[in-house]
Amino acid sequence: MLAICIPIYNQDVTLLIAELEKQIKGVNHPIEIVLIDDASQANYKSLNEPLSNRHTYIELKENIGRSRIRNLFLKYTSATYLLFLDCDALIHQPNFLKEYFQSIENKKLVVCGGRVNQKEPPNRSHYLNWKYSTLRESVSVEKRLQKPNLSFMTNNFLIERKTFETVLFDERLINYGHEDTLFGFELMKRGISIAHIDNPIFNGDIEDNTTYLFKTELGLKNLSTICKSIDNDPQFISSVRLLEYYFTIQNSFTLLVIRNIYRIGKPIIRKRLESGYGSLKLFDFYKLGYFDELFRKKNED
């Protein structure tokens, strides 16, 4: 059996479920849909609650975070395979589920399908998220296959149950970001290769620049926490481009220059990024400076 697992937070998933139900009718395999709401606002709950008449639907009283909620699905399904989808996903592939069953038949343990964005750029208030996601995260299957475990993302992936029980998401990571980076790394350490197929979801929720910057900062906080918890494991550092560069220049004059420019220019850089006119290089610089600030504070604690 396949369980389609969708963690929900402040999102109407009725269109996503309708498309999945349509595709389930065309697949000759047992499939269930399991939904867990991570303490969403009441208006979103009221939209999604009717789905409980047809599917497993759980509402949590308190928000438990992206890692813990994914592990929790094991409690509510006994399926052999779990297909995780983000709640803001839209499915445009008519054979989306059939493609994953082909991977199951080929006995793949972990499979990523990928993600695509709208081709037309949004207005400037949502430009940063769209540009970064389009140019850095919406990667073709050919590029993902070059570094399979470093291209893992949680928004659209299939995993065999026993494998998932062996490599759970790290529940110490409560906030947003990089739980997928650590999960892919843990799979790699155990010699479990991630298969990649051309079966993308459509990213249906482009965030405004201010929200996206805030979530980026949360992700960098998680990344700093991960580094400390694994004693700056060289393998992990080499798997994240920002970390690899940071630790290369850590004791150099270059970092001192970056640190001073960031300290003085942070408000101006942030304002530029929030306006939607900042380049990805400026965004990279902001992330590097922000991470350096976090990392030094953690080492002082």
Foldseek 3Di string as FASTA:
>chain_A
DEEEEEEDAQAQQVQVVVLVVVLVVVDPDDYAYAYEYQCHDPVNCVNCVVCVVPHHYHYDNHGQADQVVVVCVVVVDPDQKYKYAYSQWAADDSCLVVVVVVVVVVVAAKEFQFEAEDPDADPLQLRLQNVCCHPPQRDDLVVCVVPVLLNFDRRTMMHGDVVCVVQGQDSVLHADACSSLVSSVVCVVVVRGYHYDNRYIYRRDRDTQVVVVVRLLSHLLVVLVVCVVVVNPVVSQVSDVLSVVCVVCVPHVVVVVLLVCCVVCVVVLSVCSSSNNDDVVSVSSNSSNSSVVSNVVVVVD
